[in-house]
Structure formats: C-alpha cells, structure tokens
C-alpha atoms as a PDB file:
ATOM      1  CA  UNK A   1    -129.541 -34.749 -44.753  1.00  0.00           C
ATOM      2  CA  UNK A   2    -129.805 -37.210 -41.870  1.00  0.00           C
ATOM      3  CA  UNK A   3    -128.576 -34.832 -39.214  1.00  0.00           C
ATOM      4  CA  UNK A   4    -131.865 -32.969 -38.551  1.00  0.00           C
ATOM      5  CA  UNK A   5    -133.750 -36.278 -38.363  1.00  0.00           C
ATOM      6  CA  UNK A   6    -131.204 -37.792 -35.993  1.00  0.00           C
ATOM      7  CA  UNK A   7    -131.246 -34.665 -33.857  1.00  0.00           C
ATOM      8  CA  UNK A   8    -135.044 -34.748 -33.644  1.00  0.00           C
ATOM      9  CA  UNK A   9    -135.005 -38.475 -32.850  1.00  0.00           C
ATOM     10  CA  UNK A  10    -132.386 -37.922 -30.165  1.00  0.00           C
ATOM     11  CA  UNK A  11    -134.527 -35.263 -28.516  1.00  0.00           C
ATOM     12  CA  UNK A  12    -137.580 -37.551 -28.749  1.00  0.00           C
ATOM     13  CA  UNK A  13    -135.683 -40.452 -27.166  1.00  0.00           C
ATOM     14  CA  UNK A  14    -134.455 -38.239 -24.312  1.00  0.00           C
ATOM     15  CA  UNK A  15    -138.008 -36.963 -23.800  1.00  0.00           C
ATOM     16  CA  UNK A  16    -139.220 -40.573 -23.762  1.00  0.00           C
ATOM     17  CA  UNK A  17    -136.696 -41.463 -21.074  1.00  0.00           C
ATOM     18  CA  UNK A  18    -137.502 -38.421 -18.959  1.00  0.00           C
ATOM     19  CA  UNK A  19    -141.241 -39.067 -19.299  1.00  0.00           C
ATOM     20  CA  UNK A  20    -140.823 -42.742 -18.382  1.00  0.00           C
ATOM     21  CA  UNK A  21    -138.867 -41.776 -15.265  1.00  0.00           C
ATOM     22  CA  UNK A  22    -141.426 -39.112 -14.352  1.00  0.00           C
ATOM     23  CA  UNK A  23    -144.290 -41.592 -14.716  1.00  0.00           C
ATOM     24  CA  UNK A  24    -142.535 -44.063 -12.415  1.00  0.00           C
ATOM     25  CA  UNK A  25    -141.713 -41.388  -9.827  1.00  0.00           C
ATOM     26  CA  UNK A  26    -145.268 -40.023  -9.820  1.00  0.00           C
ATOM     27  CA  UNK A  27    -146.750 -43.514  -9.539  1.00  0.00           C
ATOM     28  CA  UNK A  28    -146.973 -45.966  -6.624  1.00  0.00           C
ATOM     29  CA  UNK A  29    -143.241 -46.691  -6.745  1.00  0.00           C
ATOM     30  CA  UNK A  30    -142.180 -43.337  -5.202  1.00  0.00           C
ATOM     31  CA  UNK A  31    -144.669 -40.534  -4.537  1.00  0.00           C
ATOM     32  CA  UNK A  32    -148.029 -42.208  -5.288  1.00  0.00           C
ATOM     33  CA  UNK A  33    -149.303 -38.981  -6.816  1.00  0.00           C
ATOM     34  CA  UNK A  34    -150.757 -41.120  -9.608  1.00  0.00           C
ATOM     35  CA  UNK A  35    -153.039 -43.732  -8.043  1.00  0.00           C
ATOM     36  CA  UNK A  36    -154.189 -46.492 -10.390  1.00  0.00           C
ATOM     37  CA  UNK A  37    -157.727 -47.871 -10.433  1.00  0.00           C
ATOM     38  CA  UNK A  38    -156.481 -51.401  -9.738  1.00  0.00           C
ATOM     39  CA  UNK A  39    -156.504 -53.908  -6.896  1.00  0.00           C
ATOM     40  CA  UNK A  40    -153.848 -53.875  -4.190  1.00  0.00           C
ATOM     41  CA  UNK A  41    -152.219 -56.980  -5.687  1.00  0.00           C
ATOM     42  CA  UNK A  42    -152.022 -55.388  -9.135  1.00  0.00           C
ATOM     43  CA  UNK A  43    -150.621 -52.202  -7.595  1.00  0.00           C
ATOM     44  CA  UNK A  44    -147.786 -54.166  -5.985  1.00  0.00           C
ATOM     45  CA  UNK A  45    -147.033 -55.785  -9.325  1.00  0.00           C
ATOM     46  CA  UNK A  46    -146.937 -52.342 -10.941  1.00  0.00           C
ATOM     47  CA  UNK A  47    -144.322 -51.285  -8.387  1.00  0.00           C
ATOM     48  CA  UNK A  48    -142.115 -54.230  -9.380  1.00  0.00           C
ATOM     49  CA  UNK A  49    -142.387 -53.296 -13.048  1.00  0.00           C
ATOM     50  CA  UNK A  50    -141.830 -49.591 -12.467  1.00  0.00           C
ATOM     51  CA  UNK A  51    -138.467 -50.315 -10.840  1.00  0.00           C
ATOM     52  CA  UNK A  52    -137.300 -51.523 -14.264  1.00  0.00           C
ATOM     53  CA  UNK A  53    -138.873 -48.506 -15.959  1.00  0.00           C
ATOM     54  CA  UNK A  54    -137.078 -46.052 -13.691  1.00  0.00           C
ATOM     55  CA  UNK A  55    -133.720 -47.784 -13.302  1.00  0.00           C
ATOM     56  CA  UNK A  56    -133.241 -49.406 -16.722  1.00  0.00           C
ATOM     57  CA  UNK A  57    -135.672 -48.346 -19.467  1.00  0.00           C
ATOM     58  CA  UNK A  58    -135.493 -44.602 -18.788  1.00  0.00           C
ATOM     59  CA  UNK A  59    -131.651 -44.426 -18.651  1.00  0.00           C
ATOM     60  CA  UNK A  60    -131.390 -46.512 -21.834  1.00  0.00           C
ATOM     61  CA  UNK A  61    -133.755 -44.196 -23.711  1.00  0.00           C
ATOM     62  CA  UNK A  62    -131.883 -41.101 -22.507  1.00  0.00           C
ATOM     63  CA  UNK A  63    -128.510 -42.641 -23.333  1.00  0.00           C
ATOM     64  CA  UNK A  64    -129.711 -43.624 -26.812  1.00  0.00           C
ATOM     65  CA  UNK A  65    -130.951 -40.073 -27.357  1.00  0.00           C
ATOM     66  CA  UNK A  66    -127.548 -38.647 -26.456  1.00  0.00           C
ATOM     67  CA  UNK A  67    -125.891 -41.099 -28.868  1.00  0.00           C
ATOM     68  CA  UNK A  68    -128.311 -40.032 -31.606  1.00  0.00           C
ATOM     69  CA  UNK A  69    -127.410 -36.389 -31.046  1.00  0.00           C
ATOM     70  CA  UNK A  70    -123.760 -37.372 -31.436  1.00  0.00           C
ATOM     71  CA  UNK A  71    -124.443 -39.370 -34.593  1.00  0.00           C
ATOM     72  CA  UNK A  72    -123.429 -42.733 -33.125  1.00  0.00           C
ATOM     73  CA  UNK A  73    -124.815 -45.857 -34.896  1.00  0.00           C
ATOM     74  CA  UNK A  74    -125.226 -47.634 -31.540  1.00  0.00           C
ATOM     75  CA  UNK A  75    -128.230 -45.397 -30.804  1.00  0.00           C
ATOM     76  CA  UNK A  76    -130.710 -47.497 -32.791  1.00  0.00           C
ATOM     77  CA  UNK A  77    -129.675 -50.701 -31.045  1.00  0.00           C
ATOM     78  CA  UNK A  78    -130.098 -49.173 -27.600  1.00  0.00           C
ATOM     79  CA  UNK A  79    -133.293 -47.217 -28.304  1.00  0.00           C
ATOM     80  CA  UNK A  80    -135.615 -49.784 -29.830  1.00  0.00           C
ATOM     81  CA  UNK A  81    -135.996 -51.853 -26.634  1.00  0.00           C
ATOM     82  CA  UNK A  82    -137.087 -49.058 -24.261  1.00  0.00           C
ATOM     83  CA  UNK A  83    -139.196 -47.459 -27.009  1.00  0.00           C
ATOM     84  CA  UNK A  84    -141.193 -50.654 -27.530  1.00  0.00           C
ATOM     85  CA  UNK A  85    -141.351 -51.193 -23.766  1.00  0.00           C
ATOM     86  CA  UNK A  86    -142.792 -47.695 -23.266  1.00  0.00           C
ATOM     87  CA  UNK A  87    -145.416 -48.390 -25.926  1.00  0.00           C
ATOM     88  CA  UNK A  88    -146.307 -51.712 -24.287  1.00  0.00           C
ATOM     89  CA  UNK A  89    -146.436 -50.418 -20.699  1.00  0.00           C
ATOM     90  CA  UNK A  90    -148.332 -47.189 -21.324  1.00  0.00           C
ATOM     91  CA  UNK A  91    -151.046 -48.901 -23.348  1.00  0.00           C
ATOM     92  CA  UNK A  92    -151.615 -51.077 -20.277  1.00  0.00           C
ATOM     93  CA  UNK A  93    -151.580 -48.047 -17.947  1.00  0.00           C
ATOM     94  CA  UNK A  94    -154.272 -46.407 -20.082  1.00  0.00           C
ATOM     95  CA  UNK A  95    -156.592 -49.319 -20.839  1.00  0.00           C
ATOM     96  CA  UNK A  96    -155.913 -51.814 -18.048  1.00  0.00           C
ATOM     97  CA  UNK A  97    -157.314 -50.132 -14.883  1.00  0.00           C
ATOM     98  CA  UNK A  98    -160.817 -50.864 -13.610  1.00  0.00           C
ATOM     99  CA  UNK A  99    -161.973 -47.242 -13.572  1.00  0.00           C
ATOM    100  CA  UNK A 100    -165.437 -47.899 -12.083  1.00  0.00           C
ATOM    101  CA  UNK A 101    -164.399 -50.568  -9.602  1.00  0.00           C
ATOM    102  CA  UNK A 102    -161.445 -49.171  -7.659  1.00  0.00           C
ATOM    103  CA  UNK A 103    -160.638 -45.660  -6.402  1.00  0.00           C
ATOM    104  CA  UNK A 104    -157.810 -43.764  -8.064  1.00  0.00           C
ATOM    105  CA  UNK A 105    -156.928 -40.822 -10.275  1.00  0.00           C
ATOM    106  CA  UNK A 106    -154.731 -42.201 -13.066  1.00  0.00           C
ATOM    107  CA  UNK A 107    -157.172 -40.862 -15.696  1.00  0.00           C
ATOM    108  CA  UNK A 108    -155.571 -37.464 -15.132  1.00  0.00           C
ATOM    109  CA  UNK A 109    -152.243 -38.942 -16.252  1.00  0.00           C
ATOM    110  CA  UNK A 110    -153.648 -40.277 -19.548  1.00  0.00           C
ATOM    111  CA  UNK A 111    -152.200 -37.303 -21.530  1.00  0.00           C
ATOM    112  CA  UNK A 112    -148.752 -38.290 -20.217  1.00  0.00           C
ATOM    113  CA  UNK A 113    -149.312 -41.916 -21.194  1.00  0.00           C
ATOM    114  CA  UNK A 114    -150.539 -40.924 -24.659  1.00  0.00           C
ATOM    115  CA  UNK A 115    -147.466 -38.743 -25.162  1.00  0.00           C
ATOM    116  CA  UNK A 116    -145.205 -41.643 -24.142  1.00  0.00           C
ATOM    117  CA  UNK A 117    -147.075 -44.000 -26.488  1.00  0.00           C
ATOM    118  CA  UNK A 118    -146.552 -41.616 -29.413  1.00  0.00           C
ATOM    119  CA  UNK A 119    -142.899 -41.079 -28.525  1.00  0.00           C
ATOM    120  CA  UNK A 120    -142.487 -44.833 -28.111  1.00  0.00           C
ATOM    121  CA  UNK A 121    -143.713 -45.845 -31.557  1.00  0.00           C
ATOM    122  CA  UNK A 122    -142.019 -42.876 -33.242  1.00  0.00           C
ATOM    123  CA  UNK A 123    -138.604 -43.663 -31.714  1.00  0.00           C
ATOM    124  CA  UNK A 124    -139.087 -47.398 -32.329  1.00  0.00           C
ATOM    125  CA  UNK A 125    -139.892 -46.768 -36.000  1.00  0.00           C
ATOM    126  CA  UNK A 126    -136.816 -44.562 -36.443  1.00  0.00           C
ATOM    127  CA  UNK A 127    -134.655 -47.130 -34.650  1.00  0.00           C
ATOM    128  CA  UNK A 128    -136.085 -49.903 -36.846  1.00  0.00           C
ATOM    129  CA  UNK A 129    -135.122 -47.971 -39.952  1.00  0.00           C
ATOM    130  CA  UNK A 130    -131.684 -47.322 -38.472  1.00  0.00           C
ATOM    131  CA  UNK A 131    -131.189 -51.052 -37.912  1.00  0.00           C
ATOM    132  CA  UNK A 132    -131.673 -51.760 -41.623  1.00  0.00           C
ATOM    133  CA  UNK A 133    -127.899 -51.510 -42.049  1.00  0.00           C
ATOM    134  CA  UNK A 134    -127.520 -54.423 -39.611  1.00  0.00           C
ATOM    135  CA  UNK A 135    -129.293 -56.926 -41.870  1.00  0.00           C
ATOM    136  CA  UNK A 136    -125.971 -57.780 -43.506  1.00  0.00           C
ATOM    137  CA  UNK A 137    -124.334 -58.402 -40.121  1.00  0.00           C
ATOM    138  CA  UNK A 138    -122.943 -61.885 -39.593  1.00  0.00           C
ATOM    139  CA  UNK A 139    -123.343 -63.407 -36.127  1.00  0.00           C
ATOM    140  CA  UNK A 140    -121.190 -66.239 -34.897  1.00  0.00           C
ATOM    141  CA  UNK A 141    -122.925 -69.619 -34.998  1.00  0.00           C
ATOM    142  CA  UNK A 142    -122.822 -69.770 -31.211  1.00  0.00           C
ATOM    143  CA  UNK A 143    -124.569 -66.398 -30.816  1.00  0.00           C
ATOM    144  CA  UNK A 144    -127.053 -67.084 -33.605  1.00  0.00           C
ATOM    145  CA  UNK A 145    -128.124 -70.486 -32.269  1.00  0.00           C
ATOM    146  CA  UNK A 146    -128.107 -69.431 -28.630  1.00  0.00           C
ATOM    147  CA  UNK A 147    -130.184 -66.331 -29.328  1.00  0.00           C
ATOM    148  CA  UNK A 148    -132.578 -68.316 -31.521  1.00  0.00           C
ATOM    149  CA  UNK A 149    -133.099 -70.866 -28.737  1.00  0.00           C
ATOM    150  CA  UNK A 150    -133.712 -68.086 -26.219  1.00  0.00           C
ATOM    151  CA  UNK A 151    -136.211 -66.302 -28.479  1.00  0.00           C
ATOM    152  CA  UNK A 152    -138.108 -69.542 -28.997  1.00  0.00           C
ATOM    153  CA  UNK A 153    -138.013 -71.211 -25.562  1.00  0.00           C
ATOM    154  CA  UNK A 154    -138.705 -68.190 -23.330  1.00  0.00           C
ATOM    155  CA  UNK A 155    -141.740 -66.867 -25.280  1.00  0.00           C
ATOM    156  CA  UNK A 156    -143.008 -70.450 -25.529  1.00  0.00           C
ATOM    157  CA  UNK A 157    -142.972 -70.612 -21.711  1.00  0.00           C
ATOM    158  CA  UNK A 158    -144.919 -67.333 -21.582  1.00  0.00           C
ATOM    159  CA  UNK A 159    -147.419 -68.681 -24.102  1.00  0.00           C
ATOM    160  CA  UNK A 160    -148.043 -71.840 -22.062  1.00  0.00           C
ATOM    161  CA  UNK A 161    -148.488 -69.806 -18.876  1.00  0.00           C
ATOM    162  CA  UNK A 162    -150.956 -67.371 -20.445  1.00  0.00           C
ATOM    163  CA  UNK A 163    -152.880 -70.122 -22.272  1.00  0.00           C
ATOM    164  CA  UNK A 164    -153.164 -72.041 -19.002  1.00  0.00           C
ATOM    165  CA  UNK A 165    -154.723 -68.985 -17.321  1.00  0.00           C
ATOM    166  CA  UNK A 166    -157.140 -68.484 -20.210  1.00  0.00           C
ATOM    167  CA  UNK A 167    -158.115 -72.173 -20.060  1.00  0.00           C
ATOM    168  CA  UNK A 168    -158.877 -71.784 -16.350  1.00  0.00           C
ATOM    169  CA  UNK A 169    -161.200 -68.874 -17.077  1.00  0.00           C
ATOM    170  CA  UNK A 170    -162.952 -70.784 -19.849  1.00  0.00           C
ATOM    171  CA  UNK A 171    -163.438 -73.765 -17.515  1.00  0.00           C
ATOM    172  CA  UNK A 172    -164.907 -71.522 -14.812  1.00  0.00           C
ATOM    173  CA  UNK A 173    -161.853 -71.700 -12.507  1.00  0.00           C
ATOM    174  CA  UNK A 174    -161.242 -67.967 -12.242  1.00  0.00           C
ATOM    175  CA  UNK A 175    -157.799 -67.125 -10.799  1.00  0.00           C
ATOM    176  CA  UNK A 176    -157.538 -64.286  -8.292  1.00  0.00           C
ATOM    177  CA  UNK A 177    -155.881 -61.922 -10.756  1.00  0.00           C
ATOM    178  CA  UNK A 178    -158.796 -62.407 -13.147  1.00  0.00           C
ATOM    179  CA  UNK A 179    -161.364 -61.808 -10.432  1.00  0.00           C
ATOM    180  CA  UNK A 180    -159.679 -58.621  -9.233  1.00  0.00           C
ATOM    181  CA  UNK A 181    -158.439 -57.056 -12.506  1.00  0.00           C
ATOM    182  CA  UNK A 182    -160.114 -58.754 -15.496  1.00  0.00           C
ATOM    183  CA  UNK A 183    -159.331 -55.974 -17.987  1.00  0.00           C
ATOM    184  CA  UNK A 184    -155.610 -56.066 -17.182  1.00  0.00           C
ATOM    185  CA  UNK A 185    -155.721 -59.870 -17.256  1.00  0.00           C
ATOM    186  CA  UNK A 186    -157.032 -59.954 -20.828  1.00  0.00           C
ATOM    187  CA  UNK A 187    -154.993 -56.997 -22.053  1.00  0.00           C
ATOM    188  CA  UNK A 188    -151.624 -58.448 -21.028  1.00  0.00           C
ATOM    189  CA  UNK A 189    -152.406 -61.825 -22.532  1.00  0.00           C
ATOM    190  CA  UNK A 190    -153.734 -60.343 -25.747  1.00  0.00           C
ATOM    191  CA  UNK A 191    -150.679 -58.138 -26.267  1.00  0.00           C
ATOM    192  CA  UNK A 192    -148.264 -60.974 -25.506  1.00  0.00           C
ATOM    193  CA  UNK A 193    -150.016 -63.750 -27.424  1.00  0.00           C
ATOM    194  CA  UNK A 194    -150.907 -61.594 -30.445  1.00  0.00           C
ATOM    195  CA  UNK A 195    -147.767 -59.456 -30.790  1.00  0.00           C
ATOM    196  CA  UNK A 196    -144.793 -60.133 -28.506  1.00  0.00           C
ATOM    197  CA  UNK A 197    -144.630 -63.928 -28.607  1.00  0.00           C
ATOM    198  CA  UNK A 198    -145.199 -64.302 -32.395  1.00  0.00           C
ATOM    199  CA  UNK A 199    -142.519 -61.660 -33.115  1.00  0.00           C
ATOM    200  CA  UNK A 200    -139.994 -63.427 -30.884  1.00  0.00           C
ATOM    201  CA  UNK A 201    -140.765 -66.846 -32.370  1.00  0.00           C
ATOM    202  CA  UNK A 202    -140.472 -65.494 -35.914  1.00  0.00           C
ATOM    203  CA  UNK A 203    -137.120 -63.897 -35.067  1.00  0.00           C
ATOM    204  CA  UNK A 204    -135.853 -67.140 -33.520  1.00  0.00           C
ATOM    205  CA  UNK A 205    -136.870 -69.274 -36.500  1.00  0.00           C
ATOM    206  CA  UNK A 206    -135.429 -66.676 -38.882  1.00  0.00           C
ATOM    207  CA  UNK A 207    -132.082 -66.805 -37.090  1.00  0.00           C
ATOM    208  CA  UNK A 208    -132.011 -70.590 -37.404  1.00  0.00           C
ATOM    209  CA  UNK A 209    -132.718 -70.243 -41.128  1.00  0.00           C
ATOM    210  CA  UNK A 210    -130.010 -67.538 -41.448  1.00  0.00           C
ATOM    211  CA  UNK A 211    -132.555 -65.067 -42.878  1.00  0.00           C
ATOM    212  CA  UNK A 212    -131.139 -61.542 -43.254  1.00  0.00           C
ATOM    213  CA  UNK A 213    -134.308 -59.874 -41.932  1.00  0.00           C
ATOM    214  CA  UNK A 214    -134.075 -61.880 -38.699  1.00  0.00           C
ATOM    215  CA  UNK A 215    -130.993 -59.927 -37.646  1.00  0.00           C
ATOM    216  CA  UNK A 216    -132.889 -56.657 -37.397  1.00  0.00           C
ATOM    217  CA  UNK A 217    -135.888 -58.312 -35.752  1.00  0.00           C
ATOM    218  CA  UNK A 218    -133.618 -59.988 -33.204  1.00  0.00           C
ATOM    219  CA  UNK A 219    -132.325 -56.596 -32.021  1.00  0.00           C
ATOM    220  CA  UNK A 220    -135.900 -55.382 -31.485  1.00  0.00           C
ATOM    221  CA  UNK A 221    -137.225 -58.502 -29.772  1.00  0.00           C
ATOM    222  CA  UNK A 222    -134.163 -59.034 -27.578  1.00  0.00           C
ATOM    223  CA  UNK A 223    -134.079 -55.406 -26.441  1.00  0.00           C
ATOM    224  CA  UNK A 224    -137.769 -55.416 -25.601  1.00  0.00           C
ATOM    225  CA  UNK A 225    -137.873 -58.877 -24.006  1.00  0.00           C
ATOM    226  CA  UNK A 226    -134.938 -58.024 -21.749  1.00  0.00           C
ATOM    227  CA  UNK A 227    -136.981 -55.217 -20.222  1.00  0.00           C
ATOM    228  CA  UNK A 228    -140.287 -57.104 -20.179  1.00  0.00           C
ATOM    229  CA  UNK A 229    -138.879 -60.245 -18.560  1.00  0.00           C
ATOM    230  CA  UNK A 230    -136.990 -58.125 -16.013  1.00  0.00           C
ATOM    231  CA  UNK A 231    -140.254 -56.305 -15.242  1.00  0.00           C
ATOM    232  CA  UNK A 232    -142.077 -59.624 -14.780  1.00  0.00           C
ATOM    233  CA  UNK A 233    -139.275 -60.726 -12.445  1.00  0.00           C
ATOM    234  CA  UNK A 234    -139.781 -57.514 -10.461  1.00  0.00           C
ATOM    235  CA  UNK A 235    -143.519 -58.162 -10.313  1.00  0.00           C
ATOM    236  CA  UNK A 236    -142.961 -61.764  -9.178  1.00  0.00           C
ATOM    237  CA  UNK A 237    -140.590 -60.557  -6.451  1.00  0.00           C
ATOM    238  CA  UNK A 238    -143.099 -57.942  -5.277  1.00  0.00           C
ATOM    239  CA  UNK A 239    -145.823 -60.595  -5.129  1.00  0.00           C
ATOM    240  CA  UNK A 240    -143.641 -62.852  -2.954  1.00  0.00           C
ATOM    241  CA  UNK A 241    -142.680 -60.019  -0.621  1.00  0.00           C
ATOM    242  CA  UNK A 242    -146.336 -59.075  -0.125  1.00  0.00           C
ATOM    243  CA  UNK A 243    -147.527 -62.702   0.275  1.00  0.00           C
ATOM    244  CA  UNK A 244    -149.720 -62.515  -2.811  1.00  0.00           C
ATOM    245  CA  UNK A 245    -151.825 -65.740  -3.066  1.00  0.00           C
ATOM    246  CA  UNK A 246    -150.797 -66.135  -6.722  1.00  0.00           C
ATOM    247  CA  UNK A 247    -147.077 -65.574  -6.023  1.00  0.00           C
ATOM    248  CA  UNK A 248    -144.671 -68.198  -7.341  1.00  0.00           C
ATOM    249  CA  UNK A 249    -141.040 -68.703  -6.390  1.00  0.00           C
ATOM    250  CA  UNK A 250    -140.478 -70.881  -9.462  1.00  0.00           C
ATOM    251  CA  UNK A 251    -141.781 -68.080 -11.706  1.00  0.00           C
ATOM    252  CA  UNK A 252    -139.350 -65.644 -10.088  1.00  0.00           C
ATOM    253  CA  UNK A 253    -136.465 -68.071 -10.598  1.00  0.00           C
ATOM    254  CA  UNK A 254    -137.326 -68.604 -14.259  1.00  0.00           C
ATOM    255  CA  UNK A 255    -137.728 -64.882 -14.882  1.00  0.00           C
ATOM    256  CA  UNK A 256    -134.417 -64.030 -13.186  1.00  0.00           C
ATOM    257  CA  UNK A 257    -132.658 -66.703 -15.234  1.00  0.00           C
ATOM    258  CA  UNK A 258    -134.321 -65.469 -18.411  1.00  0.00           C
ATOM    259  CA  UNK A 259    -133.346 -61.881 -17.606  1.00  0.00           C
ATOM    260  CA  UNK A 260    -129.700 -62.840 -17.076  1.00  0.00           C
ATOM    261  CA  UNK A 261    -129.605 -64.770 -20.362  1.00  0.00           C
ATOM    262  CA  UNK A 262    -131.284 -61.946 -22.263  1.00  0.00           C
ATOM    263  CA  UNK A 263    -128.867 -59.372 -20.842  1.00  0.00           C
ATOM    264  CA  UNK A 264    -125.934 -61.525 -21.933  1.00  0.00           C
ATOM    265  CA  UNK A 265    -127.471 -61.960 -25.394  1.00  0.00           C
ATOM    266  CA  UNK A 266    -128.179 -58.237 -25.714  1.00  0.00           C
ATOM    267  CA  UNK A 267    -124.603 -57.325 -24.780  1.00  0.00           C
ATOM    268  CA  UNK A 268    -123.342 -59.837 -27.344  1.00  0.00           C
ATOM    269  CA  UNK A 269    -125.581 -58.245 -29.978  1.00  0.00           C
ATOM    270  CA  UNK A 270    -124.197 -54.799 -29.178  1.00  0.00           C
ATOM    271  CA  UNK A 271    -120.653 -56.099 -29.573  1.00  0.00           C
ATOM    272  CA  UNK A 272    -121.347 -57.930 -32.832  1.00  0.00           C
ATOM    273  CA  UNK A 273    -122.716 -56.942 -36.203  1.00  0.00           C
ATOM    274  CA  UNK A 274    -121.740 -53.920 -38.235  1.00  0.00           C
ATOM    275  CA  UNK A 275    -118.560 -52.739 -36.455  1.00  0.00           C
ATOM    276  CA  UNK A 276    -116.866 -56.099 -37.030  1.00  0.00           C
ATOM    277  CA  UNK A 277    -118.123 -56.477 -40.590  1.00  0.00           C
ATOM    278  CA  UNK A 278    -117.026 -52.919 -41.332  1.00  0.00           C
ATOM    279  CA  UNK A 279    -113.576 -53.846 -40.137  1.00  0.00           C
ATOM    280  CA  UNK A 280    -113.519 -56.750 -42.549  1.00  0.00           C
ATOM    281  CA  UNK A 281    -114.503 -54.465 -45.378  1.00  0.00           C
ATOM    282  CA  UNK A 282    -111.640 -52.107 -44.532  1.00  0.00           C
ATOM    283  CA  UNK A 283    -109.127 -54.958 -44.689  1.00  0.00           C
ATOM    284  CA  UNK A 284    -110.212 -56.098 -48.139  1.00  0.00           C
ATOM    285  CA  UNK A 285    -108.594 -53.255 -50.123  1.00  0.00           C
ATOM    286  CA  UNK A 286    -105.213 -53.997 -48.513  1.00  0.00           C
ATOM    287  CA  UNK A 287    -105.308 -57.647 -49.504  1.00  0.00           C
ATOM    288  CA  UNK A 288    -106.319 -56.799 -53.061  1.00  0.00           C
ATOM    289  CA  UNK A 289    -103.566 -54.168 -53.257  1.00  0.00           C
ATOM    290  CA  UNK A 290    -100.969 -56.724 -52.189  1.00  0.00           C
ATOM    291  CA  UNK A 291    -102.115 -59.054 -54.913  1.00  0.00           C
ATOM    292  CA  UNK A 292    -101.899 -56.250 -57.395  1.00  0.00           C
ATOM    293  CA  UNK A 293     -98.325 -55.509 -56.385  1.00  0.00           C
END
C-alpha cells in the first residue's frame, strides 16, 4: 500500500532537487537569466546562498528521492531538510524583492518558485510522517545533550542578532540592508523569529526533557538549520569578498563553526535511531529463547 505513495514522493523529491538546481543556475550565481529586483548587496548575498542550494540542497533532495524509490527508510531523514529549505528560500524569492524599486525580471520565474514551494511542503509533510517511526529512537546522552545545546544556543544567537536589527530600525538607526531592501529585511526576520527559531528552541528543550516527539522534530530542525546556517555563511563570505559595508568577519566565523557543528550533529543523527534500536529488538528473541531452553 505504501509503495505508490513512496514512488510519488520520490519523484517529487527528485523534481524538487532538479528545480532547486535549475533556479540556482538560472539566477545570479551562474547565468543571470533570472535577475532579482534587489540591491547589489542583496544580490551578492543571494549568490552566497545559492551556492548551498546548488551544491548541497539540490543533491540531497535528489538523493532522498532515489532512496524513496528504492524503499529505503533513510529517505525521510535526508529529505526533510532540503524540502523545508526550498520552502523557506522560495518564499523569500517570491515576496522579498523590491519590484518597483530595482530593475529585474524575477517575476517571470514566480511559477517556478511556486512549484518549488508546493513540492517543498509536500515532501516535507511526507518526510515528517515517515519520521514518526523515529520517535521511539534512543539517542546517547552525549548526542542528546550536545544536539539540544546546539539547537538552543545557535538560534538564540540568531534571535539576538535579528532583534538588535529591529531595535535599530525602531530607534531610527536604519542599517544599510534595511534602507536598500526593507521587504527582504522584514521577511527574513519574521520567518526566523516566528517559525525557525521557536521550532529549534522547542526541539532543544524537548531533547533535554527526553520527550519522544522531540526526536522527530530534531531531525527536521537540524536538517534545515544545517542548510540555512551554511547559506548564511556563504552570504557572509560573499559580503566580505565584495567589501559590503555591513560585512562581518566574526559573523562568518560563527556561521562556519555553527555549520561544522550542525553537519557533525546531522551525521550522528543519520547513524543513530531506528537501525540501532531495530538491532536491539532482533537480539531480544534470542535471549528469551536461551532462557526458555
């Protein structure tokens, strides 16, 4: 009964990966066929983020789709991060540009972005359901506490950074990024402060409390944050290379460190959970049979 659904999800995940790669190639990263209605500084930041889309998010989505077609349980773990990332990024591509202020033509690519948004939430929902079997997974105390600390500390840093920028705007000290791209400024902060950061904090606290639901949420938040933080690191690097007035070497260092820690945590998550617990369940009948004999 599951096979047709898994096959359809696999095709959708592959399509998501191909579409993500196509969007990056058509954008300012490679061909510049799609020109965004944003400032030059924002365009350079987009290039830094699109490197992650093309080189990491797209291959992960395609790989997860292939695993789904083969019926492998690892597919859900791999797919949920790039699916949520595609949803996050393409909402910004659609709503964030200043269409009346800067020249460009990205409105013609809105059908592509809408398709990727739909594929993103559809694949993420299917992956979320697939991760339900992981709620009984038992992490080592070291992994559980380390991941909880990461999911609390890193989003907390993001929250302080975004709140500081909002406070500057309220006090009349408008940063350059707000002056040049106000819609993108507010959109990124709204999405992070209202959705991303609360989800990560809830997952971190749930892991500390050993809540079963936190296991599934930790897969989703870790997979997504790995891509988002890597994209922010790419944006910070692009800003430094192009001598952006708001560039920060300390931000780049923090983001690179956070990316490395998240990658390590994500790999540990892939290696833990159901496969090990399943092995324990297979050993139980032997021990009971020995007692019986």
